[in-house]
Amino acid sequence: MEKTGKLGVFRRWLGIYSKEEREVLDYARKLKKTTMQIIRGQLTLLSRPEWMRHEDWVEVRKLQNKLERRCRK
């Protein structure tokens, strides 16, 4: 998120976000939750979910492949 003045810092501290800020935060939460489920072995993604950006999908697949190789050893 872009830098804000004192008013923006106070607004975020209160939890008041713009629509764009909420979308970014929701996406980050969803991506973190999915990644943590993969790390714990609770989830395996075989195809990219439609909500996930391609560049994030590439990184998640790298992580998943690394974990799968580690488990095979």
N, C-alpha and C. Protein backbone atom coordinates (compact mmCIF):
# COMPACT_ATOMS: atom_id res chain seq x y z
N MET A 1 0.84 -1.18 0.00
CA MET A 1 0.00 0.00 0.00
C MET A 1 0.88 1.24 0.00
N GLU A 2 0.39 2.28 -0.62
CA GLU A 2 1.18 3.50 -0.73
C GLU A 2 1.27 4.20 0.63
N LYS A 3 2.27 5.09 0.73
CA LYS A 3 2.45 5.83 1.97
C LYS A 3 1.30 6.80 2.15
N THR A 4 0.95 7.06 3.40
CA THR A 4 -0.12 8.00 3.69
C THR A 4 0.37 8.98 4.74
N GLY A 5 -0.37 10.03 4.91
CA GLY A 5 -0.03 11.01 5.94
C GLY A 5 -0.51 10.54 7.29
N LYS A 6 -0.49 11.45 8.25
CA LYS A 6 -0.91 11.09 9.62
C LYS A 6 -2.36 10.64 9.66
N LEU A 7 -3.21 11.26 8.85
CA LEU A 7 -4.61 10.87 8.83
C LEU A 7 -4.78 9.44 8.33
N GLY A 8 -4.02 9.05 7.29
CA GLY A 8 -4.09 7.70 6.76
C GLY A 8 -3.62 6.66 7.76
N VAL A 9 -2.56 7.00 8.50
CA VAL A 9 -2.04 6.08 9.53
C VAL A 9 -3.10 5.88 10.60
N PHE A 10 -3.72 6.94 11.04
CA PHE A 10 -4.77 6.87 12.07
C PHE A 10 -5.97 6.07 11.57
N ARG A 11 -6.34 6.32 10.30
CA ARG A 11 -7.47 5.62 9.69
C ARG A 11 -7.21 4.11 9.63
N ARG A 12 -6.00 3.72 9.24
CA ARG A 12 -5.65 2.30 9.18
C ARG A 12 -5.58 1.70 10.57
N TRP A 13 -5.10 2.49 11.55
CA TRP A 13 -5.04 2.01 12.93
C TRP A 13 -6.44 1.69 13.45
N LEU A 14 -7.43 2.49 13.03
CA LEU A 14 -8.82 2.25 13.42
C LEU A 14 -9.45 1.10 12.63
N GLY A 15 -8.77 0.68 11.56
CA GLY A 15 -9.31 -0.40 10.75
C GLY A 15 -10.25 0.09 9.66
N ILE A 16 -10.14 1.35 9.29
CA ILE A 16 -10.98 1.91 8.23
C ILE A 16 -10.15 1.91 6.95
N TYR A 17 -10.54 1.06 5.99
CA TYR A 17 -9.78 0.91 4.76
C TYR A 17 -10.64 1.27 3.56
N SER A 18 -9.98 1.70 2.49
CA SER A 18 -10.69 1.95 1.23
C SER A 18 -10.99 0.60 0.57
N LYS A 19 -11.81 0.62 -0.47
CA LYS A 19 -12.17 -0.62 -1.15
C LYS A 19 -10.93 -1.31 -1.73
N GLU A 20 -10.02 -0.53 -2.33
CA GLU A 20 -8.81 -1.10 -2.91
C GLU A 20 -7.92 -1.71 -1.83
N GLU A 21 -7.79 -1.01 -0.70
CA GLU A 21 -6.98 -1.52 0.40
C GLU A 21 -7.56 -2.83 0.95
N ARG A 22 -8.88 -2.90 1.06
CA ARG A 22 -9.53 -4.13 1.54
C ARG A 22 -9.29 -5.29 0.59
N GLU A 23 -9.35 -5.01 -0.72
CA GLU A 23 -9.12 -6.07 -1.71
C GLU A 23 -7.70 -6.61 -1.60
N VAL A 24 -6.72 -5.71 -1.43
CA VAL A 24 -5.32 -6.12 -1.30
C VAL A 24 -5.13 -6.95 -0.03
N LEU A 25 -5.70 -6.49 1.08
CA LEU A 25 -5.57 -7.22 2.35
C LEU A 25 -6.25 -8.58 2.29
N ASP A 26 -7.43 -8.65 1.68
CA ASP A 26 -8.14 -9.92 1.56
C ASP A 26 -7.33 -10.91 0.71
N TYR A 27 -6.76 -10.42 -0.39
CA TYR A 27 -5.94 -11.28 -1.25
C TYR A 27 -4.73 -11.80 -0.48
N ALA A 28 -4.07 -10.91 0.26
CA ALA A 28 -2.88 -11.31 1.03
C ALA A 28 -3.25 -12.35 2.09
N ARG A 29 -4.37 -12.16 2.77
CA ARG A 29 -4.82 -13.14 3.77
C ARG A 29 -5.10 -14.50 3.13
N LYS A 30 -5.79 -14.47 1.99
CA LYS A 30 -6.15 -15.71 1.30
C LYS A 30 -4.89 -16.44 0.83
N LEU A 31 -3.92 -15.69 0.30
CA LEU A 31 -2.68 -16.27 -0.17
C LEU A 31 -1.88 -16.86 0.99
N LYS A 32 -1.83 -16.16 2.11
CA LYS A 32 -1.11 -16.65 3.29
C LYS A 32 -1.77 -17.93 3.82
N LYS A 33 -3.09 -17.93 3.89
CA LYS A 33 -3.81 -19.10 4.40
C LYS A 33 -3.55 -20.32 3.52
N THR A 34 -3.61 -20.13 2.20
CA THR A 34 -3.37 -21.21 1.26
C THR A 34 -1.94 -21.73 1.39
N THR A 35 -0.99 -20.81 1.48
CA THR A 35 0.42 -21.20 1.59
C THR A 35 0.67 -21.98 2.88
N MET A 36 0.09 -21.54 3.99
CA MET A 36 0.27 -22.23 5.26
C MET A 36 -0.35 -23.63 5.22
N GLN A 37 -1.47 -23.79 4.54
CA GLN A 37 -2.09 -25.11 4.40
C GLN A 37 -1.20 -26.05 3.59
N ILE A 38 -0.53 -25.52 2.57
CA ILE A 38 0.39 -26.33 1.76
C ILE A 38 1.58 -26.76 2.62
N ILE A 39 2.13 -25.83 3.40
CA ILE A 39 3.28 -26.13 4.25
C ILE A 39 2.93 -27.22 5.26
N ARG A 40 1.74 -27.16 5.83
CA ARG A 40 1.32 -28.15 6.83
C ARG A 40 0.93 -29.49 6.21
N GLY A 41 0.82 -29.52 4.88
CA GLY A 41 0.42 -30.75 4.21
C GLY A 41 -1.08 -30.95 4.16
N GLN A 42 -1.84 -29.91 4.45
CA GLN A 42 -3.30 -30.01 4.45
C GLN A 42 -3.90 -29.77 3.07
N LEU A 43 -3.09 -29.22 2.16
CA LEU A 43 -3.61 -28.83 0.85
C LEU A 43 -2.55 -29.07 -0.21
N THR A 44 -2.97 -29.54 -1.37
CA THR A 44 -2.11 -29.67 -2.53
C THR A 44 -2.83 -29.04 -3.70
N LEU A 45 -2.19 -28.09 -4.34
CA LEU A 45 -2.81 -27.42 -5.48
C LEU A 45 -2.32 -28.07 -6.76
N LEU A 46 -3.25 -28.57 -7.54
CA LEU A 46 -2.91 -29.18 -8.82
C LEU A 46 -3.08 -28.20 -9.97
N SER A 47 -3.95 -27.22 -9.78
CA SER A 47 -4.14 -26.18 -10.79
C SER A 47 -4.30 -24.85 -10.08
N ARG A 48 -4.09 -23.77 -10.82
CA ARG A 48 -4.13 -22.44 -10.23
C ARG A 48 -5.57 -22.03 -9.94
N PRO A 49 -5.86 -21.66 -8.68
CA PRO A 49 -7.20 -21.15 -8.37
C PRO A 49 -7.44 -19.84 -9.13
N GLU A 50 -8.67 -19.59 -9.52
CA GLU A 50 -8.94 -18.42 -10.36
C GLU A 50 -8.68 -17.09 -9.64
N TRP A 51 -8.70 -17.08 -8.32
CA TRP A 51 -8.47 -15.85 -7.58
C TRP A 51 -6.97 -15.51 -7.46
N MET A 52 -6.09 -16.49 -7.74
CA MET A 52 -4.65 -16.30 -7.53
C MET A 52 -3.98 -15.76 -8.79
N ARG A 53 -3.12 -14.76 -8.60
CA ARG A 53 -2.37 -14.21 -9.73
C ARG A 53 -1.32 -15.22 -10.18
N HIS A 54 -0.99 -15.17 -11.46
CA HIS A 54 -0.06 -16.15 -12.03
C HIS A 54 1.31 -16.10 -11.36
N GLU A 55 1.85 -14.90 -11.12
CA GLU A 55 3.19 -14.81 -10.53
C GLU A 55 3.22 -15.40 -9.11
N ASP A 56 2.11 -15.27 -8.38
CA ASP A 56 2.03 -15.89 -7.06
C ASP A 56 1.91 -17.41 -7.19
N TRP A 57 1.17 -17.85 -8.19
CA TRP A 57 0.99 -19.28 -8.45
C TRP A 57 2.35 -19.94 -8.71
N VAL A 58 3.21 -19.27 -9.47
CA VAL A 58 4.53 -19.81 -9.79
C VAL A 58 5.33 -20.01 -8.50
N GLU A 59 5.29 -19.02 -7.60
CA GLU A 59 6.02 -19.12 -6.34
C GLU A 59 5.44 -20.21 -5.43
N VAL A 60 4.12 -20.33 -5.40
CA VAL A 60 3.48 -21.36 -4.58
C VAL A 60 3.85 -22.74 -5.11
N ARG A 61 3.88 -22.92 -6.41
CA ARG A 61 4.26 -24.21 -7.00
C ARG A 61 5.71 -24.55 -6.66
N LYS A 62 6.60 -23.54 -6.69
CA LYS A 62 7.99 -23.79 -6.32
C LYS A 62 8.07 -24.31 -4.89
N LEU A 63 7.32 -23.67 -3.99
CA LEU A 63 7.29 -24.09 -2.59
C LEU A 63 6.75 -25.51 -2.48
N GLN A 64 5.66 -25.78 -3.17
CA GLN A 64 5.03 -27.10 -3.11
C GLN A 64 5.98 -28.18 -3.65
N ASN A 65 6.66 -27.90 -4.74
CA ASN A 65 7.61 -28.88 -5.31
C ASN A 65 8.77 -29.11 -4.35
N LYS A 66 9.25 -28.06 -3.72
CA LYS A 66 10.35 -28.18 -2.75
C LYS A 66 9.94 -29.08 -1.59
N LEU A 67 8.72 -28.87 -1.09
CA LEU A 67 8.23 -29.69 0.02
C LEU A 67 8.05 -31.15 -0.40
N GLU A 68 7.54 -31.37 -1.62
CA GLU A 68 7.35 -32.73 -2.11
C GLU A 68 8.69 -33.46 -2.26
N ARG A 69 9.72 -32.76 -2.75
CA ARG A 69 11.05 -33.37 -2.88
C ARG A 69 11.62 -33.70 -1.50
N ARG A 70 11.40 -32.82 -0.54
CA ARG A 70 11.91 -33.04 0.80
C ARG A 70 11.26 -34.27 1.44
N CYS A 71 9.96 -34.46 1.19
CA CYS A 71 9.24 -35.60 1.76
C CYS A 71 9.67 -36.92 1.13
N ARG A 72 10.07 -36.91 -0.13
CA ARG A 72 10.48 -38.14 -0.82
C ARG A 72 11.81 -38.67 -0.33
N LYS A 73 12.65 -37.80 0.20
CA LYS A 73 14.00 -38.22 0.64
C LYS A 73 13.95 -39.06 1.86
